[in-house]
Amino acid sequence: MYICMKIKIKIIYMVFLKQFLVFFTLFLLLIVNAKSQDTNYVKSIETPLYVNNVTSDGKTLFIRSADSIYSWENSKLEFIASANSRYSWYNSTDSAIFFTHTAYIPKLYKINKNSKYLVPGYFNGNITSTRVNDYIYISYNGKIIQYHIQSNIEHLFKGNSVRHIYMEPSGVRVISTYSGVFVDLKRNKINKNTFKNPKLKYSTGSFNKINNRYFLCQDDLLEFDSKNEKFIRRILTEGKPQFRQLFKFNGNVFSIMTKGFNMLNIENFEFDKYMLPNEKITGYQVIDSVAILSSRENGLFVFDTALNFKKLNVPVLINDIINYKKELLLCTDDGLYSLNIKTGNYKQLTSEKYLHTIVKYKNEVIYSGDRGLYWFNGSKSVNIIKEEEFNKLALYTNNKNLYAGSINGLYIIGETDLKLILNENSDKIIYKGVPKENTKFNFYLIITLLFILIFGLFGYILLRKKHKNEKSDLIKIENSREEITVSTVKLAIFQDESIKSVNDIALHFNTSISQVNRRLKLENTSPLECLKETKQKIITQMKQEGKSIEEMTKRVGYSKRFIRENFLS
């Protein structure tokens, strides 16, 4: 019996080690190629057919199933041709669509072990892939998996909602997020290690430089002491309109608040004048001797050095403005508009929904919204990043890079890469190959692999400890302060603002996620269901209390777009 047990442990260990090494090999392949592209899983395509392989002409996806070939467009299958052998591959001709048929998958069409794409599961010879525009389609075990390729785009701070980006040519760099305010003074290349420990817990506004002093509109107004690398709270709003942006005009400092804006004395930190108290000011532009403010409710306001105000007749729901080629561009909920300030004439340029931030980029502009990131040259627009919700104020460009903050991290695109994405050099988007690895990176890769192998040798220890860990979890749940029931979980979510995920629930009850799942399963529910139901009640209550969508987002952790479409529509 003892010998049988040893054999069982050895078999389990070998299976574990094999799976462990395969997983990490795929993981390392993805890391090696992460510099050249960002490959995002989209969905598993549901088809009524068993898929033998996929191929394409670059524009249309073709599916081989049994003895037939189909096209797949707009979620519809259409019969194209009959087929023999087992697999079929597209070949171009001048006159018609032409396919070749093979009994085995040629090496040319296989996903090989050095693939730069994320391959699901284990490597095997039956996986094929093809590309249609910006999407990769992989046939795997009779199904099709779709990935979106964002080439030449770095994606950092994943999981963090980036609220504002501040960069100096030499000096302070600040990334403000809902999960922390990160400051860097070293001026090294930005990567996942550049901004390590947050200086503050969160921020919702901009970081501004006024008279060689640095200020953060966190909600309250804070000043940043760059010498000692610390923030000093200067004005506490305490339920009053909160700070969002600072700007200078005619030698005076003005603060844009959640309602209205003020003339601010930054020597004694007192407001000299409070203006447009009922307006939600969203952006500003200083042009010659006037300043222009955009408003959500009433369009645009112009004021001069004597603080004389004039309202312009323009579209409403304006979220940002910028001076561009002697006209004013307006980011609105209904698209991009241009306005001739002298004549008052305006026209709609694009029709994207929920646009909110715009910046200059050379002779063009970059703008963002709840559904993507865009480029515009005065007559043509290009969607740079699709189906990603970007945050207001979180857009910045310099001579080298474009920085865009979304609800799921920071996107960085270099100048050369942006040209490729925008098709400035060719009719078709060019994607870089895998960059040549340098010696330093190879050294770290070898060290990493050695540690993985050593770690794998001790894998069986984890199996032996599994039973002990389960006992430990039971002890933890018994020693937790509260009994875990549907009522106690929902009450905890409602009362504790820090609970925004299932993991937070487990931490609150001093136990593991699996134990919370087991307890709630006895009442025919789950922690995720409790979380969703309670958050819905919280949003309903906040809506009745007249709370803003920004406050709802901060409280429950949902994005503005999700709350707007699911609770406020």
Protein backbone atom coordinates (compact mmCIF):
# COMPACT_ATOMS: atom_id res chain seq x y z
CA MET A 1 0.00 0.00 0.00
CA TYR A 2 2.87 2.33 0.84
CA ILE A 3 4.48 1.64 -2.56
CA CYS A 4 1.18 2.30 -4.36
CA MET A 5 0.84 5.58 -2.51
CA LYS A 6 4.37 6.64 -3.57
CA ILE A 7 3.58 5.76 -7.20
CA LYS A 8 0.38 7.82 -7.05
CA ILE A 9 2.23 10.82 -5.60
CA LYS A 10 4.92 10.50 -8.28
CA ILE A 11 2.32 10.37 -11.08
CA ILE A 12 0.46 13.38 -9.69
CA TYR A 13 3.74 15.25 -9.36
CA MET A 14 4.77 14.52 -12.97
CA VAL A 15 1.37 15.65 -14.29
CA PHE A 16 1.59 18.80 -12.19
CA LEU A 17 5.14 19.55 -13.36
CA LYS A 18 4.21 19.04 -17.03
CA GLN A 19 1.21 21.35 -16.81
CA PHE A 20 3.19 23.89 -14.83
CA LEU A 21 6.03 24.05 -17.39
CA VAL A 22 3.64 24.25 -20.38
CA PHE A 23 1.74 27.11 -18.74
CA PHE A 24 4.88 29.10 -17.98
CA THR A 25 6.35 28.48 -21.44
CA LEU A 26 3.25 30.06 -23.02
CA PHE A 27 3.36 32.82 -20.41
CA LEU A 28 7.01 33.64 -21.18
CA LEU A 29 6.35 33.60 -24.93
CA LEU A 30 3.67 36.20 -24.36
CA ILE A 31 6.03 38.34 -22.23
CA VAL A 32 8.80 38.23 -24.84
CA ASN A 33 6.41 39.64 -27.42
CA ALA A 34 4.56 42.06 -25.16
CA LYS A 35 6.68 44.99 -26.35
CA SER A 36 5.45 44.74 -29.92
CA GLN A 37 1.71 44.35 -29.39
CA ASP A 38 -1.16 43.96 -26.96
CA THR A 39 -3.37 40.96 -27.80
CA ASN A 40 -6.77 41.06 -26.09
CA TYR A 41 -9.21 38.15 -25.91
CA VAL A 42 -12.59 39.19 -27.35
CA LYS A 43 -14.88 36.15 -27.37
CA SER A 44 -15.48 32.54 -28.34
CA ILE A 45 -17.55 32.61 -31.53
CA GLU A 46 -20.62 30.40 -31.36
CA THR A 47 -21.23 28.51 -34.62
CA PRO A 48 -23.54 25.51 -35.22
CA LEU A 49 -20.65 23.71 -36.97
CA TYR A 50 -17.57 21.80 -35.90
CA VAL A 51 -14.67 23.90 -37.27
CA ASN A 52 -11.80 22.03 -38.92
CA ASN A 53 -9.77 25.12 -39.69
CA VAL A 54 -10.00 28.86 -40.41
CA THR A 55 -8.50 30.89 -43.26
CA SER A 56 -9.10 34.31 -44.83
CA ASP A 57 -8.33 36.74 -47.63
CA GLY A 58 -7.50 39.41 -45.03
CA LYS A 59 -11.03 40.84 -45.15
CA THR A 60 -13.40 37.87 -44.76
CA LEU A 61 -13.17 34.92 -42.39
CA PHE A 62 -13.63 31.50 -44.06
CA ILE A 63 -14.57 28.42 -42.03
CA ARG A 64 -13.96 24.84 -43.15
CA SER A 65 -16.44 22.37 -41.65
CA ALA A 66 -16.94 18.76 -42.80
CA ASP A 67 -17.04 18.90 -46.63
CA SER A 68 -18.05 22.56 -46.96
CA ILE A 69 -16.51 26.04 -46.78
CA TYR A 70 -18.45 28.99 -45.32
CA SER A 71 -17.87 32.73 -44.96
CA TRP A 72 -18.50 34.35 -41.58
CA GLU A 73 -19.54 38.02 -41.66
CA ASN A 74 -21.75 39.97 -39.24
CA SER A 75 -22.34 36.75 -37.24
CA LYS A 76 -23.85 35.04 -40.31
CA LEU A 77 -22.70 31.86 -42.08
CA GLU A 78 -22.90 31.69 -45.87
CA PHE A 79 -22.03 28.63 -47.96
CA ILE A 80 -19.12 29.35 -50.34
CA ALA A 81 -17.94 26.08 -51.86
CA SER A 82 -17.69 22.32 -51.47
CA ALA A 83 -14.39 20.82 -50.31
CA ASN A 84 -12.45 17.58 -50.23
CA SER A 85 -9.70 16.27 -47.91
CA ARG A 86 -9.89 17.58 -44.36
CA TYR A 87 -8.56 21.16 -44.41
CA SER A 88 -8.99 24.08 -46.84
CA TRP A 89 -6.89 27.23 -47.42
CA TYR A 90 -7.67 30.46 -49.24
CA ASN A 91 -5.65 31.30 -52.39
CA SER A 92 -6.11 34.51 -54.34
CA THR A 93 -6.80 34.65 -58.07
CA ASP A 94 -7.86 37.49 -60.32
CA SER A 95 -11.13 35.89 -61.33
CA ALA A 96 -12.62 34.12 -58.30
CA ILE A 97 -12.17 32.84 -54.77
CA PHE A 98 -9.95 29.76 -54.91
CA PHE A 99 -9.14 27.23 -52.19
CA THR A 100 -6.57 24.46 -51.89
CA HIS A 101 -7.35 21.33 -49.87
CA THR A 102 -4.98 19.21 -47.75
CA ALA A 103 -5.17 16.07 -45.65
CA TYR A 104 -2.87 17.58 -43.01
CA ILE A 105 -2.23 21.10 -41.80
CA PRO A 106 0.89 22.41 -43.58
CA LYS A 107 3.58 23.87 -41.36
CA LEU A 108 2.93 27.27 -42.89
CA TYR A 109 -0.60 27.38 -41.45
CA LYS A 110 0.04 25.91 -38.00
CA ILE A 111 0.40 27.90 -34.84
CA ASN A 112 3.95 26.92 -33.91
CA LYS A 113 5.67 26.89 -30.54
CA ASN A 114 7.26 30.28 -31.21
CA SER A 115 3.97 31.96 -32.00
CA LYS A 116 3.70 35.58 -30.92
CA TYR A 117 -0.03 35.18 -30.38
CA LEU A 118 -1.65 33.97 -27.20
CA VAL A 119 -2.54 30.32 -27.83
CA PRO A 120 -5.26 28.84 -25.59
CA GLY A 121 -4.48 25.54 -23.89
CA TYR A 122 -1.58 23.32 -24.92
CA PHE A 123 0.32 23.53 -28.17
CA ASN A 124 -0.77 20.93 -30.70
CA GLY A 125 -0.72 20.51 -34.47
CA ASN A 126 -4.49 20.92 -34.89
CA ILE A 127 -4.61 24.64 -34.04
CA THR A 128 -4.78 27.09 -36.97
CA SER A 129 -5.03 30.87 -37.07
CA THR A 130 -5.81 33.60 -39.58
CA ARG A 131 -6.05 37.36 -39.52
CA VAL A 132 -8.90 39.64 -40.60
CA ASN A 133 -8.03 43.33 -40.29
CA ASP A 134 -7.25 43.94 -36.59
CA TYR A 135 -8.50 40.55 -35.39
CA ILE A 136 -6.88 37.13 -35.00
CA TYR A 137 -9.13 34.06 -35.29
CA ILE A 138 -7.90 30.75 -33.83
CA SER A 139 -9.63 27.43 -34.52
CA TYR A 140 -9.21 25.13 -31.54
CA ASN A 141 -11.00 21.83 -30.82
CA GLY A 142 -13.81 22.63 -33.26
CA LYS A 143 -14.38 26.18 -31.99
CA ILE A 144 -13.23 29.66 -33.00
CA ILE A 145 -11.66 32.11 -30.57
CA GLN A 146 -11.35 35.80 -31.48
CA TYR A 147 -8.55 38.15 -30.32
CA HIS A 148 -8.12 41.85 -30.96
CA ILE A 149 -4.59 43.01 -31.84
CA GLN A 150 -3.47 46.43 -30.64
CA SER A 151 -0.04 46.56 -32.23
CA ASN A 152 2.72 48.80 -30.98
CA ILE A 153 0.68 49.87 -27.93
CA GLU A 154 1.97 49.50 -24.38
CA HIS A 155 -0.66 48.91 -21.70
CA LEU A 156 0.36 49.64 -18.09
CA PHE A 157 -1.47 49.99 -14.75
CA LYS A 158 -4.02 47.35 -15.83
CA GLY A 159 -6.89 47.24 -13.36
CA ASN A 160 -6.43 50.92 -12.38
CA SER A 161 -8.72 53.72 -13.55
CA VAL A 162 -6.29 56.43 -14.73
CA ARG A 163 -7.78 59.89 -14.11
CA HIS A 164 -5.05 62.33 -15.16
CA ILE A 165 -1.56 62.37 -16.70
CA TYR A 166 1.03 65.10 -16.06
CA MET A 167 4.45 65.12 -17.73
CA GLU A 168 7.36 67.59 -17.74
CA PRO A 169 10.29 67.47 -20.19
CA SER A 170 12.56 67.23 -17.14
CA GLY A 171 11.05 67.03 -13.70
CA VAL A 172 7.81 65.81 -12.20
CA ARG A 173 5.66 63.08 -13.76
CA VAL A 174 2.36 62.16 -12.13
CA ILE A 175 -0.18 59.44 -12.92
CA SER A 176 -3.39 59.98 -10.94
CA THR A 177 -5.77 57.04 -10.56
CA TYR A 178 -8.75 55.99 -8.47
CA SER A 179 -6.40 53.51 -6.79
CA GLY A 180 -3.54 55.89 -6.02
CA VAL A 181 -1.51 58.91 -7.11
CA PHE A 182 1.91 57.85 -8.43
CA VAL A 183 4.81 60.31 -8.67
CA ASP A 184 8.13 59.84 -10.50
CA LEU A 185 11.09 62.24 -10.40
CA LYS A 186 13.79 59.97 -11.90
CA ARG A 187 12.87 60.46 -15.57
CA ASN A 188 13.54 56.82 -16.50
CA LYS A 189 11.62 55.10 -19.29
CA ILE A 190 8.06 54.49 -18.19
CA ASN A 191 7.27 50.84 -17.51
CA LYS A 192 5.41 48.82 -14.89
CA ASN A 193 8.15 49.56 -12.33
CA THR A 194 8.44 53.33 -12.89
CA PHE A 195 5.57 54.21 -10.57
CA LYS A 196 5.69 51.85 -7.60
CA ASN A 197 4.24 53.23 -4.36
CA PRO A 198 1.35 55.72 -4.46
CA LYS A 199 1.77 59.00 -2.60
CA LEU A 200 -2.00 59.29 -2.07
CA LYS A 201 -4.91 56.87 -2.05
CA TYR A 202 -6.77 58.36 -5.03
CA SER A 203 -7.47 61.43 -7.18
CA THR A 204 -10.31 62.51 -9.49
CA GLY A 205 -8.94 65.80 -10.86
CA SER A 206 -5.90 67.25 -12.58
CA PHE A 207 -2.30 67.91 -11.49
CA ASN A 208 -1.31 71.48 -12.46
CA LYS A 209 1.76 73.71 -12.38
CA ILE A 210 0.98 77.31 -11.36
CA ASN A 211 3.79 79.86 -10.86
CA ASN A 212 6.39 77.07 -10.49
CA ARG A 213 4.26 75.43 -7.79
CA TYR A 214 2.46 72.10 -8.16
CA PHE A 215 -1.16 71.52 -7.20
CA LEU A 216 -3.41 68.45 -7.27
CA CYS A 217 -7.19 68.73 -7.60
CA GLN A 218 -7.86 65.53 -5.70
CA ASP A 219 -11.38 66.66 -4.67
CA ASP A 220 -9.79 68.93 -2.10
CA LEU A 221 -6.88 71.13 -3.22
CA LEU A 222 -3.41 69.77 -2.38
CA GLU A 223 0.03 71.24 -3.03
CA PHE A 224 2.94 68.97 -3.95
CA ASP A 225 6.28 69.60 -2.26
CA SER A 226 8.68 68.13 -4.87
CA LYS A 227 11.72 68.58 -2.60
CA ASN A 228 10.30 66.39 0.17
CA GLU A 229 8.03 64.40 -2.20
CA LYS A 230 4.86 64.88 -0.20
CA PHE A 231 1.39 66.40 -0.63
CA ILE A 232 0.07 69.17 1.63
CA ARG A 233 -3.68 69.69 1.89
CA ARG A 234 -4.44 73.40 1.33
CA ILE A 235 -8.24 73.62 0.95
CA LEU A 236 -10.76 71.13 2.35
CA THR A 237 -14.04 71.27 0.39
CA GLU A 238 -16.19 69.51 3.06
CA GLY A 239 -19.34 68.88 1.02
CA LYS A 240 -18.99 72.00 -1.13
CA PRO A 241 -18.14 71.94 -4.88
CA GLN A 242 -14.90 70.01 -5.39
CA PHE A 243 -11.74 70.91 -7.33
CA ARG A 244 -11.22 69.58 -10.88
CA GLN A 245 -8.75 71.88 -12.73
CA LEU A 246 -6.63 75.02 -12.24
CA PHE A 247 -5.64 77.52 -14.94
CA LYS A 248 -4.16 81.03 -15.29
CA PHE A 249 -5.70 83.94 -17.18
CA ASN A 250 -4.68 87.60 -17.13
CA GLY A 251 -2.30 86.97 -14.19
CA ASN A 252 -5.04 85.41 -12.04
CA VAL A 253 -5.54 81.78 -10.99
CA PHE A 254 -8.94 80.18 -11.58
CA SER A 255 -10.23 76.87 -10.23
CA ILE A 256 -12.83 74.81 -12.09
CA MET A 257 -15.09 73.06 -9.59
CA THR A 258 -17.74 70.36 -9.89
CA LYS A 259 -20.17 73.31 -9.97
CA GLY A 260 -19.05 76.74 -11.14
CA PHE A 261 -15.53 78.17 -10.95
CA ASN A 262 -13.59 80.54 -8.70
CA MET A 263 -10.87 83.14 -8.79
CA LEU A 264 -8.34 81.67 -6.35
CA ASN A 265 -5.65 83.38 -4.28
CA ILE A 266 -2.90 80.74 -3.93
CA GLU A 267 -0.98 82.79 -1.35
CA ASN A 268 -3.66 82.67 1.35
CA PHE A 269 -5.79 79.95 -0.34
CA GLU A 270 -8.99 81.96 -0.32
CA PHE A 271 -11.59 82.43 -3.06
CA ASP A 272 -11.77 86.01 -4.35
CA LYS A 273 -14.81 85.46 -6.55
CA TYR A 274 -17.31 82.63 -7.22
CA MET A 275 -18.80 82.60 -10.75
CA LEU A 276 -21.37 80.60 -12.75
CA PRO A 277 -22.38 78.68 -9.61
CA ASN A 278 -25.01 76.53 -11.36
CA GLU A 279 -22.87 75.45 -14.31
CA LYS A 280 -20.92 72.20 -14.60
CA ILE A 281 -17.74 73.55 -16.23
CA THR A 282 -15.89 70.84 -18.18
CA GLY A 283 -12.99 72.58 -19.95
CA TYR A 284 -11.30 75.86 -20.82
CA GLN A 285 -9.25 77.63 -23.50
CA VAL A 286 -7.38 80.92 -23.25
CA ILE A 287 -7.29 82.76 -26.60
CA ASP A 288 -5.67 86.20 -26.71
CA SER A 289 -7.57 88.46 -24.31
CA VAL A 290 -10.48 86.14 -23.55
CA ALA A 291 -11.03 82.83 -21.80
CA ILE A 292 -13.63 80.34 -22.99
CA LEU A 293 -15.35 77.84 -20.70
CA SER A 294 -17.34 74.78 -21.82
CA SER A 295 -20.43 73.69 -19.91
CA ARG A 296 -22.51 70.52 -19.84
CA GLU A 297 -25.79 72.43 -19.57
CA ASN A 298 -25.39 75.66 -21.53
CA GLY A 299 -22.65 75.32 -24.14
CA LEU A 300 -19.91 77.95 -24.02
CA PHE A 301 -19.19 81.05 -21.95
CA VAL A 302 -16.64 83.72 -22.92
CA PHE A 303 -15.22 86.21 -20.41
CA ASP A 304 -12.66 88.98 -20.77
CA THR A 305 -10.04 90.50 -18.45
CA ALA A 306 -12.75 92.56 -16.73
CA LEU A 307 -14.77 89.36 -16.07
CA ASN A 308 -17.57 90.35 -18.42
CA PHE A 309 -19.40 87.17 -19.50
CA LYS A 310 -21.09 86.29 -22.80
CA LYS A 311 -22.89 83.05 -23.66
CA LEU A 312 -22.41 81.56 -27.15
CA ASN A 313 -25.16 79.74 -29.04
CA VAL A 314 -23.61 76.29 -29.62
CA PRO A 315 -24.48 72.60 -29.03
CA VAL A 316 -24.84 71.58 -25.39
CA LEU A 317 -23.38 68.59 -23.53
CA ILE A 318 -19.83 69.87 -24.20
CA ASN A 319 -17.13 68.00 -22.30
CA ASP A 320 -13.93 69.65 -23.57
CA ILE A 321 -12.70 72.31 -26.02
CA ILE A 322 -9.48 73.13 -27.90
CA ASN A 323 -8.28 75.89 -30.23
CA TYR A 324 -7.45 74.29 -33.60
CA LYS A 325 -6.65 75.98 -36.92
CA LYS A 326 -8.35 79.27 -35.97
CA GLU A 327 -11.47 77.44 -34.87
CA LEU A 328 -12.69 75.92 -31.66
CA LEU A 329 -13.24 72.14 -31.58
CA LEU A 330 -15.93 70.88 -29.21
CA CYS A 331 -16.00 67.38 -27.69
CA THR A 332 -19.65 66.55 -27.04
CA ASP A 333 -21.85 63.58 -26.23
CA ASP A 334 -22.91 63.55 -29.90
CA GLY A 335 -19.55 63.91 -31.65
CA LEU A 336 -16.88 66.42 -32.58
CA TYR A 337 -17.95 69.94 -33.65
CA SER A 338 -16.05 72.94 -35.05
CA LEU A 339 -16.98 76.53 -34.11
CA ASN A 340 -15.95 79.78 -35.79
CA ILE A 341 -15.72 82.11 -32.79
CA LYS A 342 -16.02 85.28 -34.92
CA THR A 343 -19.12 84.27 -36.88
CA GLY A 344 -20.69 81.89 -34.38
CA ASN A 345 -21.19 79.25 -37.09
CA TYR A 346 -20.64 75.65 -36.13
CA LYS A 347 -20.80 72.25 -37.84
CA GLN A 348 -20.59 68.59 -36.83
CA LEU A 349 -17.37 66.85 -37.91
CA THR A 350 -17.77 63.32 -36.49
CA SER A 351 -20.58 61.32 -34.86
CA GLU A 352 -18.90 59.24 -32.12
CA LYS A 353 -20.85 59.15 -28.85
CA TYR A 354 -19.76 60.43 -25.41
CA LEU A 355 -16.52 62.23 -26.34
CA HIS A 356 -14.90 64.07 -23.46
CA THR A 357 -11.20 64.99 -23.87
CA ILE A 358 -9.19 66.46 -26.76
CA VAL A 359 -5.51 67.47 -27.14
CA LYS A 360 -3.32 68.73 -29.99
CA TYR A 361 -1.01 66.31 -31.78
CA LYS A 362 1.28 68.09 -34.31
CA ASN A 363 -1.11 69.42 -36.98
CA GLU A 364 -3.91 67.11 -35.89
CA VAL A 365 -5.79 66.28 -32.69
CA ILE A 366 -6.29 63.21 -30.53
CA TYR A 367 -9.55 62.83 -28.65
CA SER A 368 -11.11 60.19 -26.39
CA GLY A 369 -14.47 59.06 -25.14
CA ASP A 370 -16.43 56.31 -23.45
CA ARG A 371 -16.05 54.03 -26.51
CA GLY A 372 -12.53 54.56 -27.77
CA LEU A 373 -9.53 56.71 -28.65
CA TYR A 374 -9.49 58.67 -31.93
CA TRP A 375 -7.28 60.76 -34.27
CA PHE A 376 -8.55 63.60 -36.46
CA ASN A 377 -6.74 65.69 -39.11
CA GLY A 378 -9.48 68.14 -40.02
CA SER A 379 -11.26 65.93 -42.54
CA LYS A 380 -10.64 62.30 -41.58
CA SER A 381 -10.87 60.42 -38.28
CA VAL A 382 -9.31 57.08 -37.29
CA ASN A 383 -10.28 54.90 -34.33
CA ILE A 384 -6.92 54.10 -32.65
CA ILE A 385 -8.23 51.95 -29.79
CA LYS A 386 -11.71 50.46 -30.00
CA GLU A 387 -14.26 49.53 -27.35
CA GLU A 388 -12.31 50.92 -24.39
CA GLU A 389 -13.71 53.51 -21.98
CA PHE A 390 -11.27 56.40 -21.50
CA ASN A 391 -11.40 58.90 -18.66
CA LYS A 392 -11.86 62.66 -18.87
CA LEU A 393 -8.62 64.70 -18.47
CA ALA A 394 -6.50 61.54 -18.92
CA LEU A 395 -4.94 62.43 -22.29
CA TYR A 396 -1.47 63.84 -22.94
CA THR A 397 0.95 64.11 -25.90
CA ASN A 398 4.56 65.20 -26.32
CA ASN A 399 7.15 64.89 -29.10
CA LYS A 400 7.69 61.19 -28.38
CA ASN A 401 4.54 59.56 -27.03
CA LEU A 402 0.79 59.62 -26.71
CA TYR A 403 -0.52 58.78 -23.22
CA ALA A 404 -4.20 57.85 -22.75
CA GLY A 405 -5.80 56.85 -19.45
CA SER A 406 -8.73 54.45 -19.39
CA ILE A 407 -10.81 52.73 -16.74
CA ASN A 408 -8.43 49.77 -17.19
CA GLY A 409 -4.98 51.32 -17.22
CA LEU A 410 -2.61 53.57 -19.15
CA TYR A 411 -1.98 53.22 -22.90
CA ILE A 412 1.33 54.50 -24.35
CA ILE A 413 1.92 54.81 -28.11
CA GLY A 414 5.20 56.05 -29.58
CA GLU A 415 5.34 58.58 -32.44
CA THR A 416 6.55 56.05 -35.03
CA ASP A 417 4.06 53.43 -33.89
CA LEU A 418 1.22 55.96 -34.06
CA LYS A 419 2.13 56.71 -37.68
CA LEU A 420 1.87 53.02 -38.50
CA ILE A 421 -1.50 52.70 -36.81
CA LEU A 422 -2.84 55.78 -38.56
CA ASN A 423 -1.87 54.43 -42.00
CA GLU A 424 0.28 57.45 -42.75
CA ASN A 425 2.90 55.35 -44.54
CA SER A 426 0.72 52.74 -46.32
CA ASP A 427 -2.81 51.79 -47.24
CA LYS A 428 -2.77 48.95 -44.74
CA ILE A 429 -1.76 49.08 -41.11
CA ILE A 430 1.80 47.81 -40.65
CA TYR A 431 2.54 45.74 -37.57
CA LYS A 432 6.01 45.40 -36.22
CA GLY A 433 7.65 42.03 -35.86
CA VAL A 434 9.14 40.76 -32.64
CA PRO A 435 11.99 43.07 -31.54
CA LYS A 436 15.44 41.59 -31.39
CA GLU A 437 16.16 40.43 -27.87
CA ASN A 438 19.19 41.93 -26.20
CA THR A 439 21.71 40.07 -24.07
CA LYS A 440 20.48 41.61 -20.84
CA PHE A 441 16.93 40.39 -21.44
CA ASN A 442 18.18 36.89 -22.37
CA PHE A 443 20.14 36.75 -19.12
CA TYR A 444 17.05 37.57 -17.05
CA LEU A 445 15.00 35.10 -19.08
CA ILE A 446 17.49 32.29 -18.35
CA ILE A 447 17.50 33.14 -14.64
CA THR A 448 13.70 33.15 -14.65
CA LEU A 449 13.56 29.73 -16.32
CA LEU A 450 16.02 28.31 -13.77
CA PHE A 451 13.84 29.54 -10.92
CA ILE A 452 10.79 28.02 -12.60
CA LEU A 453 12.51 24.63 -12.89
CA ILE A 454 13.61 24.74 -9.25
CA PHE A 455 10.12 25.73 -8.20
CA GLY A 456 8.66 22.87 -10.22
CA LEU A 457 10.79 20.33 -8.32
CA PHE A 458 9.00 21.29 -5.13
CA GLY A 459 5.55 21.18 -6.70
CA TYR A 460 4.54 18.00 -4.93
CA ILE A 461 4.83 19.82 -1.59
CA LEU A 462 1.80 21.87 -2.57
CA LEU A 463 -0.23 18.70 -3.05
CA ARG A 464 0.70 17.41 0.39
CA LYS A 465 -0.29 20.71 1.99
CA LYS A 466 -3.65 20.88 0.26
CA HIS A 467 -5.48 18.98 3.00
CA LYS A 468 -3.85 21.10 5.71
CA ASN A 469 -4.89 24.31 3.93
CA GLU A 470 -8.51 23.16 3.76
CA LYS A 471 -8.46 22.54 7.50
CA SER A 472 -6.91 25.96 8.02
CA ASP A 473 -9.69 27.59 6.01
CA LEU A 474 -12.28 25.87 8.20
CA ILE A 475 -10.55 27.14 11.32
CA LYS A 476 -10.45 30.67 9.90
CA ILE A 477 -14.16 30.68 9.16
CA GLU A 478 -14.95 29.42 12.64
CA ASN A 479 -12.77 32.15 14.17
CA SER A 480 -14.13 34.95 11.98
CA ARG A 481 -15.93 37.78 13.74
CA GLU A 482 -19.25 37.36 11.96
CA GLU A 483 -21.31 34.48 10.68
CA ILE A 484 -21.41 34.43 6.88
CA THR A 485 -25.00 34.61 5.63
CA VAL A 486 -26.74 36.48 2.83
CA SER A 487 -27.90 39.11 5.32
CA THR A 488 -24.48 39.72 6.93
CA VAL A 489 -22.74 39.83 3.54
CA LYS A 490 -25.20 42.35 2.06
CA LEU A 491 -25.06 44.47 5.21
CA ALA A 492 -21.25 44.49 5.09
CA ILE A 493 -21.24 45.58 1.43
CA PHE A 494 -23.77 48.32 2.17
CA GLN A 495 -21.90 49.71 5.17
CA ASP A 496 -18.25 49.22 4.18
CA GLU A 497 -17.29 51.41 1.18
CA SER A 498 -14.03 49.48 0.71
CA ILE A 499 -15.93 46.32 -0.37
CA LYS A 500 -16.12 46.41 -4.18
CA SER A 501 -15.23 42.82 -5.12
CA VAL A 502 -15.68 39.20 -3.98
CA ASN A 503 -12.11 39.25 -2.65
CA ASP A 504 -13.00 42.29 -0.48
CA ILE A 505 -15.91 40.30 1.01
CA ALA A 506 -13.56 37.46 1.96
CA LEU A 507 -11.10 39.92 3.54
CA HIS A 508 -13.91 41.52 5.55
CA PHE A 509 -14.90 38.16 7.04
CA ASN A 510 -11.28 37.10 7.56
CA THR A 511 -11.57 34.00 5.39
CA SER A 512 -11.09 32.73 1.83
CA ILE A 513 -13.26 33.25 -1.27
CA SER A 514 -13.97 29.50 -1.45
CA GLN A 515 -15.34 29.51 2.10
CA VAL A 516 -17.63 32.48 1.35
CA ASN A 517 -18.87 30.66 -1.76
CA ARG A 518 -19.61 27.49 0.28
CA ARG A 519 -21.58 29.33 2.94
CA LEU A 520 -23.69 31.35 0.50
CA LYS A 521 -24.29 28.31 -1.69
CA LEU A 522 -26.28 26.87 1.24
CA GLU A 523 -28.73 29.76 0.68
CA ASN A 524 -28.80 29.21 -3.11
CA THR A 525 -26.81 32.32 -3.99
CA SER A 526 -23.20 33.52 -4.41
CA PRO A 527 -21.04 36.43 -3.22
CA LEU A 528 -21.10 37.90 -6.75
CA GLU A 529 -24.91 37.94 -6.78
CA CYS A 530 -24.94 39.58 -3.33
CA LEU A 531 -22.46 42.16 -4.61
CA LYS A 532 -24.52 42.97 -7.72
CA GLU A 533 -27.84 43.23 -5.82
CA THR A 534 -26.40 45.42 -3.08
CA LYS A 535 -24.57 47.72 -5.51
CA GLN A 536 -27.84 48.18 -7.40
CA LYS A 537 -29.56 49.23 -4.16
CA ILE A 538 -26.69 51.60 -3.36
CA ILE A 539 -26.90 53.26 -6.79
CA THR A 540 -30.71 53.54 -6.50
CA GLN A 541 -30.35 55.21 -3.09
CA MET A 542 -27.63 57.58 -4.34
CA LYS A 543 -29.78 58.47 -7.35
CA GLN A 544 -32.70 59.34 -5.04
CA GLU A 545 -30.34 61.47 -2.95
CA GLY A 546 -29.25 63.38 -6.06
CA LYS A 547 -25.67 62.12 -6.02
CA SER A 548 -23.53 62.61 -9.15
CA ILE A 549 -22.44 59.78 -11.46
CA GLU A 550 -18.83 60.43 -10.36
CA GLU A 551 -19.81 59.78 -6.73
CA MET A 552 -21.63 56.58 -7.75
CA THR A 553 -18.56 55.40 -9.68
CA LYS A 554 -16.29 56.03 -6.71
CA ARG A 555 -18.69 54.29 -4.31
CA VAL A 556 -19.47 51.05 -6.20
CA GLY A 557 -16.48 50.73 -8.54
CA TYR A 558 -18.53 50.57 -11.77
CA SER A 559 -17.58 52.75 -14.74
CA LYS A 560 -19.65 55.82 -15.66
CA ARG A 561 -20.67 54.17 -18.93
CA PHE A 562 -21.89 51.01 -17.17
CA ILE A 563 -23.89 52.99 -14.58
CA ARG A 564 -25.35 55.28 -17.26
CA GLU A 565 -26.49 52.42 -19.53
CA ASN A 566 -27.71 50.01 -16.85
CA PHE A 567 -29.08 52.21 -14.05
CA LEU A 568 -29.71 55.74 -15.29
CA SER A 569 -31.17 55.14 -18.78
